[in-house]
Amino acid sequence: MKANEFIIHLEIAGKKYPVTLRRGDVQTERRARLAARRVQQMYLERKNIFSKAVDDKDLLAMVAIQLATDMIPLEERNDTKPLIERIQRLTADLERYLKENR
């Protein structure tokens, strides 16, 4: 571990997981802890629904699928590549028009 790093331990489904972070990166630490709490909460909700019929590994897989599904619309909304390409095409069209009509 580097001098500018430290480890926090996050507990999910009764198991502790070490996470290495940069010292002073309060925002990332806050997000990691919040994410672990959210995963734990979703895990417990599913554990209450399925009780002992489904093992922990499968419950955590269900949580991962739900979180990934929830994240996709956010990624799609933040995908600026099509917008940038459209602006570049419009800029080229405008430059061509201005050059032809001088």
PDB file of N, CA and C in Angstrom:
ATOM      1  N   MET A   1       0.852  -1.174   0.000  1.00  0.00           N
ATOM      2  CA  MET A   1       0.000   0.000   0.000  1.00  0.00           C
ATOM      3  C   MET A   1       0.899   1.239   0.000  1.00  0.00           C
ATOM      4  N   LYS A   2       0.524   2.218  -0.791  1.00  0.00           N
ATOM      5  CA  LYS A   2       1.279   3.458  -0.895  1.00  0.00           C
ATOM      6  C   LYS A   2       1.015   4.354   0.317  1.00  0.00           C
ATOM      7  N   ALA A   3       1.926   5.284   0.553  1.00  0.00           N
ATOM      8  CA  ALA A   3       1.808   6.181   1.709  1.00  0.00           C
ATOM      9  C   ALA A   3       0.566   7.058   1.634  1.00  0.00           C
ATOM     10  N   ASN A   4       0.111   7.343   0.432  1.00  0.00           N
ATOM     11  CA  ASN A   4      -1.052   8.222   0.282  1.00  0.00           C
ATOM     12  C   ASN A   4      -2.366   7.434   0.218  1.00  0.00           C
ATOM     13  N   GLU A   5      -2.331   6.178   0.632  1.00  0.00           N
ATOM     14  CA  GLU A   5      -3.529   5.346   0.612  1.00  0.00           C
ATOM     15  C   GLU A   5      -3.856   4.824   2.011  1.00  0.00           C
ATOM     16  N   PHE A   6      -5.114   4.455   2.198  1.00  0.00           N
ATOM     17  CA  PHE A   6      -5.533   3.799   3.432  1.00  0.00           C
ATOM     18  C   PHE A   6      -6.656   2.832   3.100  1.00  0.00           C
ATOM     19  N   ILE A   7      -6.923   1.933   4.020  1.00  0.00           N
ATOM     20  CA  ILE A   7      -7.924   0.888   3.787  1.00  0.00           C
ATOM     21  C   ILE A   7      -9.102   1.087   4.734  1.00  0.00           C
ATOM     22  N   ILE A   8     -10.298   0.994   4.167  1.00  0.00           N
ATOM     23  CA  ILE A   8     -11.502   0.916   4.987  1.00  0.00           C
ATOM     24  C   ILE A   8     -12.095  -0.475   4.774  1.00  0.00           C
ATOM     25  N   HIS A   9     -12.848  -0.939   5.728  1.00  0.00           N
ATOM     26  CA  HIS A   9     -13.484  -2.252   5.620  1.00  0.00           C
ATOM     27  C   HIS A   9     -14.997  -2.053   5.569  1.00  0.00           C
ATOM     28  N   LEU A  10     -15.584  -2.568   4.523  1.00  0.00           N
ATOM     29  CA  LEU A  10     -17.029  -2.453   4.335  1.00  0.00           C
ATOM     30  C   LEU A  10     -17.643  -3.828   4.505  1.00  0.00           C
ATOM     31  N   GLU A  11     -18.728  -3.901   5.268  1.00  0.00           N
ATOM     32  CA  GLU A  11     -19.371  -5.181   5.528  1.00  0.00           C
ATOM     33  C   GLU A  11     -20.629  -5.324   4.681  1.00  0.00           C
ATOM     34  N   ILE A  12     -20.675  -6.443   3.957  1.00  0.00           N
ATOM     35  CA  ILE A  12     -21.835  -6.768   3.126  1.00  0.00           C
ATOM     36  C   ILE A  12     -22.121  -8.258   3.315  1.00  0.00           C
ATOM     37  N   ALA A  13     -23.347  -8.573   3.638  1.00  0.00           N
ATOM     38  CA  ALA A  13     -23.792  -9.960   3.808  1.00  0.00           C
ATOM     39  C   ALA A  13     -22.927 -10.709   4.822  1.00  0.00           C
ATOM     40  N   GLY A  14     -22.550 -10.012   5.901  1.00  0.00           N
ATOM     41  CA  GLY A  14     -21.797 -10.655   6.961  1.00  0.00           C
ATOM     42  C   GLY A  14     -20.320 -10.841   6.697  1.00  0.00           C
ATOM     43  N   LYS A  15     -19.824 -10.319   5.609  1.00  0.00           N
ATOM     44  CA  LYS A  15     -18.408 -10.455   5.268  1.00  0.00           C
ATOM     45  C   LYS A  15     -17.801  -9.069   5.095  1.00  0.00           C
ATOM     46  N   LYS A  16     -16.575  -8.899   5.593  1.00  0.00           N
ATOM     47  CA  LYS A  16     -15.894  -7.613   5.462  1.00  0.00           C
ATOM     48  C   LYS A  16     -15.012  -7.610   4.226  1.00  0.00           C
ATOM     49  N   TYR A  17     -15.072  -6.496   3.503  1.00  0.00           N
ATOM     50  CA  TYR A  17     -14.297  -6.325   2.285  1.00  0.00           C
ATOM     51  C   TYR A  17     -13.391  -5.104   2.430  1.00  0.00           C
ATOM     52  N   PRO A  18     -12.082  -5.275   2.214  1.00  0.00           N
ATOM     53  CA  PRO A  18     -11.180  -4.123   2.295  1.00  0.00           C
ATOM     54  C   PRO A  18     -11.257  -3.303   1.004  1.00  0.00           C
ATOM     55  N   VAL A  19     -11.281  -1.998   1.161  1.00  0.00           N
ATOM     56  CA  VAL A  19     -11.304  -1.090   0.015  1.00  0.00           C
ATOM     57  C   VAL A  19     -10.175  -0.081   0.221  1.00  0.00           C
ATOM     58  N   THR A  20      -9.283   0.025  -0.758  1.00  0.00           N
ATOM     59  CA  THR A  20      -8.167   0.952  -0.676  1.00  0.00           C
ATOM     60  C   THR A  20      -8.568   2.291  -1.282  1.00  0.00           C
ATOM     61  N   LEU A  21      -8.319   3.366  -0.542  1.00  0.00           N
ATOM     62  CA  LEU A  21      -8.671   4.719  -0.977  1.00  0.00           C
ATOM     63  C   LEU A  21      -7.460   5.636  -0.835  1.00  0.00           C
ATOM     64  N   ARG A  22      -7.503   6.761  -1.548  1.00  0.00           N
ATOM     65  CA  ARG A  22      -6.464   7.786  -1.385  1.00  0.00           C
ATOM     66  C   ARG A  22      -6.766   8.599  -0.140  1.00  0.00           C
ATOM     67  N   ARG A  23      -5.723   8.905   0.597  1.00  0.00           N
ATOM     68  CA  ARG A  23      -5.885   9.761   1.789  1.00  0.00           C
ATOM     69  C   ARG A  23      -6.446  11.110   1.372  1.00  0.00           C
ATOM     70  N   GLY A  24      -7.385  11.596   2.155  1.00  0.00           N
ATOM     71  CA  GLY A  24      -7.966  12.907   1.900  1.00  0.00           C
ATOM     72  C   GLY A  24      -9.106  12.897   0.900  1.00  0.00           C
ATOM     73  N   ASP A  25      -9.372  11.762   0.276  1.00  0.00           N
ATOM     74  CA  ASP A  25     -10.461  11.683  -0.710  1.00  0.00           C
ATOM     75  C   ASP A  25     -11.767  11.371   0.029  1.00  0.00           C
ATOM     76  N   VAL A  26     -12.269  12.375   0.706  1.00  0.00           N
ATOM     77  CA  VAL A  26     -13.448  12.223   1.561  1.00  0.00           C
ATOM     78  C   VAL A  26     -14.676  11.843   0.738  1.00  0.00           C
ATOM     79  N   GLN A  27     -14.802  12.406  -0.432  1.00  0.00           N
ATOM     80  CA  GLN A  27     -15.975  12.150  -1.286  1.00  0.00           C
ATOM     81  C   GLN A  27     -16.043  10.674  -1.691  1.00  0.00           C
ATOM     82  N   THR A  28     -14.905  10.105  -2.099  1.00  0.00           N
ATOM     83  CA  THR A  28     -14.892   8.702  -2.503  1.00  0.00           C
ATOM     84  C   THR A  28     -15.171   7.793  -1.314  1.00  0.00           C
ATOM     85  N   GLU A  29     -14.613   8.127  -0.156  1.00  0.00           N
ATOM     86  CA  GLU A  29     -14.882   7.319   1.035  1.00  0.00           C
ATOM     87  C   GLU A  29     -16.367   7.365   1.384  1.00  0.00           C
ATOM     88  N   ARG A  30     -16.963   8.550   1.336  1.00  0.00           N
ATOM     89  CA  ARG A  30     -18.394   8.694   1.636  1.00  0.00           C
ATOM     90  C   ARG A  30     -19.217   7.860   0.671  1.00  0.00           C
ATOM     91  N   ARG A  31     -18.867   7.929  -0.615  1.00  0.00           N
ATOM     92  CA  ARG A  31     -19.612   7.168  -1.626  1.00  0.00           C
ATOM     93  C   ARG A  31     -19.450   5.672  -1.434  1.00  0.00           C
ATOM     94  N   ALA A  32     -18.246   5.216  -1.097  1.00  0.00           N
ATOM     95  CA  ALA A  32     -18.010   3.783  -0.876  1.00  0.00           C
ATOM     96  C   ALA A  32     -18.835   3.285   0.296  1.00  0.00           C
ATOM     97  N   ARG A  33     -18.861   4.058   1.372  1.00  0.00           N
ATOM     98  CA  ARG A  33     -19.647   3.651   2.544  1.00  0.00           C
ATOM     99  C   ARG A  33     -21.147   3.658   2.234  1.00  0.00           C
ATOM    100  N   LEU A  34     -21.585   4.660   1.505  1.00  0.00           N
ATOM    101  CA  LEU A  34     -22.993   4.739   1.113  1.00  0.00           C
ATOM    102  C   LEU A  34     -23.361   3.565   0.198  1.00  0.00           C
ATOM    103  N   ALA A  35     -22.487   3.246  -0.741  1.00  0.00           N
ATOM    104  CA  ALA A  35     -22.737   2.122  -1.648  1.00  0.00           C
ATOM    105  C   ALA A  35     -22.835   0.818  -0.871  1.00  0.00           C
ATOM    106  N   ALA A  36     -21.942   0.618   0.086  1.00  0.00           N
ATOM    107  CA  ALA A  36     -21.985  -0.610   0.886  1.00  0.00           C
ATOM    108  C   ALA A  36     -23.283  -0.697   1.683  1.00  0.00           C
ATOM    109  N   ARG A  37     -23.721   0.423   2.252  1.00  0.00           N
ATOM    110  CA  ARG A  37     -24.997   0.431   2.991  1.00  0.00           C
ATOM    111  C   ARG A  37     -26.164   0.105   2.062  1.00  0.00           C
ATOM    112  N   ARG A  38     -26.127   0.663   0.854  1.00  0.00           N
ATOM    113  CA  ARG A  38     -27.212   0.413  -0.099  1.00  0.00           C
ATOM    114  C   ARG A  38     -27.236  -1.051  -0.521  1.00  0.00           C
ATOM    115  N   VAL A  39     -26.067  -1.614  -0.821  1.00  0.00           N
ATOM    116  CA  VAL A  39     -25.998  -3.028  -1.202  1.00  0.00           C
ATOM    117  C   VAL A  39     -26.490  -3.897  -0.049  1.00  0.00           C
ATOM    118  N   GLN A  40     -26.063  -3.583   1.162  1.00  0.00           N
ATOM    119  CA  GLN A  40     -26.491  -4.348   2.340  1.00  0.00           C
ATOM    120  C   GLN A  40     -28.007  -4.279   2.508  1.00  0.00           C
ATOM    121  N   GLN A  41     -28.563  -3.092   2.343  1.00  0.00           N
ATOM    122  CA  GLN A  41     -30.015  -2.925   2.478  1.00  0.00           C
ATOM    123  C   GLN A  41     -30.754  -3.740   1.415  1.00  0.00           C
ATOM    124  N   MET A  42     -30.300  -3.668   0.177  1.00  0.00           N
ATOM    125  CA  MET A  42     -30.953  -4.419  -0.897  1.00  0.00           C
ATOM    126  C   MET A  42     -30.807  -5.923  -0.676  1.00  0.00           C
ATOM    127  N   TYR A  43     -29.650  -6.323  -0.194  1.00  0.00           N
ATOM    128  CA  TYR A  43     -29.410  -7.732   0.117  1.00  0.00           C
ATOM    129  C   TYR A  43     -30.398  -8.214   1.190  1.00  0.00           C
ATOM    130  N   LEU A  44     -30.534  -7.430   2.267  1.00  0.00           N
ATOM    131  CA  LEU A  44     -31.443  -7.819   3.357  1.00  0.00           C
ATOM    132  C   LEU A  44     -32.897  -7.862   2.898  1.00  0.00           C
ATOM    133  N   GLU A  45     -33.291  -6.924   2.044  1.00  0.00           N
ATOM    134  CA  GLU A  45     -34.664  -6.933   1.514  1.00  0.00           C
ATOM    135  C   GLU A  45     -34.929  -8.236   0.770  1.00  0.00           C
ATOM    136  N   ARG A  46     -33.983  -8.644  -0.060  1.00  0.00           N
ATOM    137  CA  ARG A  46     -34.167  -9.881  -0.820  1.00  0.00           C
ATOM    138  C   ARG A  46     -34.092 -11.111   0.090  1.00  0.00           C
ATOM    139  N   LYS A  47     -33.244 -11.054   1.088  1.00  0.00           N
ATOM    140  CA  LYS A  47     -33.126 -12.162   2.034  1.00  0.00           C
ATOM    141  C   LYS A  47     -34.451 -12.367   2.772  1.00  0.00           C
ATOM    142  N   ASN A  48     -35.130 -11.268   3.117  1.00  0.00           N
ATOM    143  CA  ASN A  48     -36.433 -11.372   3.775  1.00  0.00           C
ATOM    144  C   ASN A  48     -37.488 -11.953   2.842  1.00  0.00           C
ATOM    145  N   ILE A  49     -37.408 -11.630   1.576  1.00  0.00           N
ATOM    146  CA  ILE A  49     -38.386 -12.131   0.601  1.00  0.00           C
ATOM    147  C   ILE A  49     -38.169 -13.618   0.325  1.00  0.00           C
ATOM    148  N   PHE A  50     -36.913 -13.995   0.075  1.00  0.00           N
ATOM    149  CA  PHE A  50     -36.617 -15.366  -0.351  1.00  0.00           C
ATOM    150  C   PHE A  50     -36.208 -16.284   0.796  1.00  0.00           C
ATOM    151  N   SER A  51     -36.031 -15.759   1.976  1.00  0.00           N
ATOM    152  CA  SER A  51     -35.600 -16.488   3.180  1.00  0.00           C
ATOM    153  C   SER A  51     -34.442 -17.435   2.854  1.00  0.00           C
ATOM    154  N   LYS A  52     -34.577 -18.689   3.202  1.00  0.00           N
ATOM    155  CA  LYS A  52     -33.469 -19.632   3.027  1.00  0.00           C
ATOM    156  C   LYS A  52     -33.496 -20.345   1.667  1.00  0.00           C
ATOM    157  N   ALA A  53     -34.466 -20.027   0.849  1.00  0.00           N
ATOM    158  CA  ALA A  53     -34.589 -20.708  -0.439  1.00  0.00           C
ATOM    159  C   ALA A  53     -33.480 -20.308  -1.413  1.00  0.00           C
ATOM    160  N   VAL A  54     -32.865 -19.152  -1.187  1.00  0.00           N
ATOM    161  CA  VAL A  54     -31.828 -18.646  -2.090  1.00  0.00           C
ATOM    162  C   VAL A  54     -30.586 -18.343  -1.262  1.00  0.00           C
ATOM    163  N   ASP A  55     -29.414 -18.783  -1.742  1.00  0.00           N
ATOM    164  CA  ASP A  55     -28.201 -18.533  -0.951  1.00  0.00           C
ATOM    165  C   ASP A  55     -27.685 -17.106  -1.161  1.00  0.00           C
ATOM    166  N   ASP A  56     -26.762 -16.717  -0.281  1.00  0.00           N
ATOM    167  CA  ASP A  56     -26.248 -15.341  -0.276  1.00  0.00           C
ATOM    168  C   ASP A  56     -25.632 -14.933  -1.614  1.00  0.00           C
ATOM    169  N   LYS A  57     -24.920 -15.845  -2.238  1.00  0.00           N
ATOM    170  CA  LYS A  57     -24.286 -15.544  -3.524  1.00  0.00           C
ATOM    171  C   LYS A  57     -25.331 -15.134  -4.562  1.00  0.00           C
ATOM    172  N   ASP A  58     -26.425 -15.857  -4.606  1.00  0.00           N
ATOM    173  CA  ASP A  58     -27.490 -15.543  -5.557  1.00  0.00           C
ATOM    174  C   ASP A  58     -28.206 -14.245  -5.195  1.00  0.00           C
ATOM    175  N   LEU A  59     -28.385 -14.005  -3.894  1.00  0.00           N
ATOM    176  CA  LEU A  59     -29.004 -12.749  -3.465  1.00  0.00           C
ATOM    177  C   LEU A  59     -28.140 -11.560  -3.880  1.00  0.00           C
ATOM    178  N   LEU A  60     -26.826 -11.693  -3.706  1.00  0.00           N
ATOM    179  CA  LEU A  60     -25.921 -10.602  -4.103  1.00  0.00           C
ATOM    180  C   LEU A  60     -25.896 -10.430  -5.621  1.00  0.00           C
ATOM    181  N   ALA A  61     -26.046 -11.524  -6.362  1.00  0.00           N
ATOM    182  CA  ALA A  61     -26.140 -11.414  -7.820  1.00  0.00           C
ATOM    183  C   ALA A  61     -27.400 -10.645  -8.210  1.00  0.00           C
ATOM    184  N   MET A  62     -28.505 -10.905  -7.502  1.00  0.00           N
ATOM    185  CA  MET A  62     -29.751 -10.162  -7.764  1.00  0.00           C
ATOM    186  C   MET A  62     -29.550  -8.671  -7.500  1.00  0.00           C
ATOM    187  N   VAL A  63     -28.848  -8.355  -6.420  1.00  0.00           N
ATOM    188  CA  VAL A  63     -28.565  -6.954  -6.091  1.00  0.00           C
ATOM    189  C   VAL A  63     -27.714  -6.322  -7.192  1.00  0.00           C
ATOM    190  N   ALA A  64     -26.689  -7.032  -7.647  1.00  0.00           N
ATOM    191  CA  ALA A  64     -25.806  -6.508  -8.696  1.00  0.00           C
ATOM    192  C   ALA A  64     -26.588  -6.234  -9.984  1.00  0.00           C
ATOM    193  N   ILE A  65     -27.471  -7.143 -10.342  1.00  0.00           N
ATOM    194  CA  ILE A  65     -28.282  -6.961 -11.556  1.00  0.00           C
ATOM    195  C   ILE A  65     -29.184  -5.738 -11.406  1.00  0.00           C
ATOM    196  N   GLN A  66     -29.810  -5.591 -10.243  1.00  0.00           N
ATOM    197  CA  GLN A  66     -30.691  -4.441 -10.020  1.00  0.00           C
ATOM    198  C   GLN A  66     -29.915  -3.128 -10.087  1.00  0.00           C
ATOM    199  N   LEU A  67     -28.760  -3.075  -9.436  1.00  0.00           N
ATOM    200  CA  LEU A  67     -27.967  -1.844  -9.447  1.00  0.00           C
ATOM    201  C   LEU A  67     -27.468  -1.515 -10.857  1.00  0.00           C
ATOM    202  N   ALA A  68     -27.045  -2.529 -11.594  1.00  0.00           N
ATOM    203  CA  ALA A  68     -26.584  -2.295 -12.966  1.00  0.00           C
ATOM    204  C   ALA A  68     -27.733  -1.823 -13.846  1.00  0.00           C
ATOM    205  N   THR A  69     -28.907  -2.416 -13.668  1.00  0.00           N
ATOM    206  CA  THR A  69     -30.090  -2.002 -14.430  1.00  0.00           C
ATOM    207  C   THR A  69     -30.456  -0.554 -14.122  1.00  0.00           C
ATOM    208  N   ASP A  70     -30.358  -0.185 -12.848  1.00  0.00           N
ATOM    209  CA  ASP A  70     -30.656   1.193 -12.448  1.00  0.00           C
ATOM    210  C   ASP A  70     -29.631   2.177 -13.008  1.00  0.00           C
ATOM    211  N   MET A  71     -28.407   1.727 -13.200  1.00  0.00           N
ATOM    212  CA  MET A  71     -27.329   2.605 -13.650  1.00  0.00           C
ATOM    213  C   MET A  71     -27.367   2.880 -15.160  1.00  0.00           C
ATOM    214  N   ILE A  72     -27.896   1.968 -15.940  1.00  0.00           N
ATOM    215  CA  ILE A  72     -27.890   2.102 -17.400  1.00  0.00           C
ATOM    216  C   ILE A  72     -28.563   3.385 -17.879  1.00  0.00           C
ATOM    217  N   PRO A  73     -29.756   3.743 -17.395  1.00  0.00           N
ATOM    218  CA  PRO A  73     -30.356   5.005 -17.860  1.00  0.00           C
ATOM    219  C   PRO A  73     -29.491   6.228 -17.526  1.00  0.00           C
ATOM    220  N   LEU A  74     -28.802   6.175 -16.399  1.00  0.00           N
ATOM    221  CA  LEU A  74     -27.916   7.292 -16.039  1.00  0.00           C
ATOM    222  C   LEU A  74     -26.749   7.401 -17.012  1.00  0.00           C
ATOM    223  N   GLU A  75     -26.197   6.254 -17.389  1.00  0.00           N
ATOM    224  CA  GLU A  75     -25.108   6.258 -18.366  1.00  0.00           C
ATOM    225  C   GLU A  75     -25.597   6.744 -19.724  1.00  0.00           C
ATOM    226  N   GLU A  76     -26.772   6.299 -20.117  1.00  0.00           N
ATOM    227  CA  GLU A  76     -27.319   6.718 -21.412  1.00  0.00           C
ATOM    228  C   GLU A  76     -27.582   8.219 -21.423  1.00  0.00           C
ATOM    229  N   ARG A  77     -28.086   8.729 -20.319  1.00  0.00           N
ATOM    230  CA  ARG A  77     -28.381  10.160 -20.238  1.00  0.00           C
ATOM    231  C   ARG A  77     -27.100  10.994 -20.264  1.00  0.00           C
ATOM    232  N   ASN A  78     -26.025  10.453 -19.704  1.00  0.00           N
ATOM    233  CA  ASN A  78     -24.769  11.180 -19.643  1.00  0.00           C
ATOM    234  C   ASN A  78     -23.861  10.909 -20.833  1.00  0.00           C
ATOM    235  N   ASP A  79     -24.319  10.108 -21.784  1.00  0.00           N
ATOM    236  CA  ASP A  79     -23.507   9.824 -22.970  1.00  0.00           C
ATOM    237  C   ASP A  79     -23.593  11.005 -23.926  1.00  0.00           C
ATOM    238  N   THR A  80     -22.550  11.801 -23.963  1.00  0.00           N
ATOM    239  CA  THR A  80     -22.548  13.019 -24.779  1.00  0.00           C
ATOM    240  C   THR A  80     -21.955  12.792 -26.169  1.00  0.00           C
ATOM    241  N   LYS A  81     -21.457  11.595 -26.438  1.00  0.00           N
ATOM    242  CA  LYS A  81     -20.821  11.333 -27.731  1.00  0.00           C
ATOM    243  C   LYS A  81     -21.746  11.627 -28.919  1.00  0.00           C
ATOM    244  N   PRO A  82     -23.006  11.143 -28.927  1.00  0.00           N
ATOM    245  CA  PRO A  82     -23.878  11.458 -30.061  1.00  0.00           C
ATOM    246  C   PRO A  82     -24.106  12.966 -30.220  1.00  0.00           C
ATOM    247  N   LEU A  83     -24.218  13.664 -29.109  1.00  0.00           N
ATOM    248  CA  LEU A  83     -24.416  15.112 -29.154  1.00  0.00           C
ATOM    249  C   LEU A  83     -23.187  15.812 -29.724  1.00  0.00           C
ATOM    250  N   ILE A  84     -22.022  15.404 -29.285  1.00  0.00           N
ATOM    251  CA  ILE A  84     -20.782  15.994 -29.802  1.00  0.00           C
ATOM    252  C   ILE A  84     -20.641  15.732 -31.295  1.00  0.00           C
ATOM    253  N   GLU A  85     -20.942  14.517 -31.725  1.00  0.00           N
ATOM    254  CA  GLU A  85     -20.861  14.195 -33.161  1.00  0.00           C
ATOM    255  C   GLU A  85     -21.835  15.054 -33.960  1.00  0.00           C
ATOM    256  N   ARG A  86     -23.033  15.251 -33.447  1.00  0.00           N
ATOM    257  CA  ARG A  86     -24.042  16.082 -34.133  1.00  0.00           C
ATOM    258  C   ARG A  86     -23.559  17.529 -34.234  1.00  0.00           C
ATOM    259  N   ILE A  87     -22.988  18.053 -33.164  1.00  0.00           N
ATOM    260  CA  ILE A  87     -22.464  19.423 -33.182  1.00  0.00           C
ATOM    261  C   ILE A  87     -21.327  19.540 -34.186  1.00  0.00           C
ATOM    262  N   GLN A  88     -20.473  18.551 -34.266  1.00  0.00           N
ATOM    263  CA  GLN A  88     -19.367  18.575 -35.220  1.00  0.00           C
ATOM    264  C   GLN A  88     -19.884  18.569 -36.663  1.00  0.00           C
ATOM    265  N   ARG A  89     -20.921  17.777 -36.933  1.00  0.00           N
ATOM    266  CA  ARG A  89     -21.509  17.756 -38.283  1.00  0.00           C
ATOM    267  C   ARG A  89     -22.134  19.109 -38.613  1.00  0.00           C
ATOM    268  N   LEU A  90     -22.869  19.672 -37.655  1.00  0.00           N
ATOM    269  CA  LEU A  90     -23.494  20.981 -37.890  1.00  0.00           C
ATOM    270  C   LEU A  90     -22.444  22.073 -38.092  1.00  0.00           C
ATOM    271  N   THR A  91     -21.365  22.006 -37.341  1.00  0.00           N
ATOM    272  CA  THR A  91     -20.277  22.979 -37.486  1.00  0.00           C
ATOM    273  C   THR A  91     -19.654  22.865 -38.871  1.00  0.00           C
ATOM    274  N   ALA A  92     -19.417  21.655 -39.331  1.00  0.00           N
ATOM    275  CA  ALA A  92     -18.851  21.445 -40.664  1.00  0.00           C
ATOM    276  C   ALA A  92     -19.815  21.962 -41.734  1.00  0.00           C
ATOM    277  N   ASP A  93     -21.107  21.692 -41.576  1.00  0.00           N
ATOM    278  CA  ASP A  93     -22.105  22.188 -42.532  1.00  0.00           C
ATOM    279  C   ASP A  93     -22.117  23.712 -42.555  1.00  0.00           C
ATOM    280  N   LEU A  94     -22.072  24.328 -41.399  1.00  0.00           N
ATOM    281  CA  LEU A  94     -22.078  25.787 -41.298  1.00  0.00           C
ATOM    282  C   LEU A  94     -20.817  26.388 -41.921  1.00  0.00           C
ATOM    283  N   GLU A  95     -19.671  25.798 -41.646  1.00  0.00           N
ATOM    284  CA  GLU A  95     -18.422  26.287 -42.235  1.00  0.00           C
ATOM    285  C   GLU A  95     -18.451  26.162 -43.755  1.00  0.00           C
ATOM    286  N   ARG A  96     -18.968  25.054 -44.250  1.00  0.00           N
ATOM    287  CA  ARG A  96     -19.077  24.855 -45.697  1.00  0.00           C
ATOM    288  C   ARG A  96     -20.020  25.902 -46.304  1.00  0.00           C
ATOM    289  N   TYR A  97     -21.144  26.142 -45.667  1.00  0.00           N
ATOM    290  CA  TYR A  97     -22.117  27.126 -46.147  1.00  0.00           C
ATOM    291  C   TYR A  97     -21.488  28.524 -46.187  1.00  0.00           C
ATOM    292  N   LEU A  98     -20.804  28.890 -45.108  1.00  0.00           N
ATOM    293  CA  LEU A  98     -20.187  30.218 -45.049  1.00  0.00           C
ATOM    294  C   LEU A  98     -19.096  30.363 -46.103  1.00  0.00           C
ATOM    295  N   LYS A  99     -18.348  29.328 -46.362  1.00  0.00           N
ATOM    296  CA  LYS A  99     -17.290  29.370 -47.363  1.00  0.00           C
ATOM    297  C   LYS A  99     -17.881  29.538 -48.765  1.00  0.00           C
ATOM    298  N   GLU A 100     -18.979  28.837 -49.026  1.00  0.00           N
ATOM    299  CA  GLU A 100     -19.617  28.896 -50.348  1.00  0.00           C
ATOM    300  C   GLU A 100     -20.358  30.207 -50.586  1.00  0.00           C
ATOM    301  N   ASN A 101     -20.790  30.888 -49.541  1.00  0.00           N
ATOM    302  CA  ASN A 101     -21.617  32.079 -49.685  1.00  0.00           C
ATOM    303  C   ASN A 101     -20.912  33.356 -49.237  1.00  0.00           C
ATOM    304  N   ARG A 102     -19.659  33.448 -49.448  1.00  0.00           N
ATOM    305  CA  ARG A 102     -18.926  34.671 -49.100  1.00  0.00           C
ATOM    306  C   ARG A 102     -18.986  35.654 -50.202  1.00  0.00           C
TER     307      ARG A 102
END
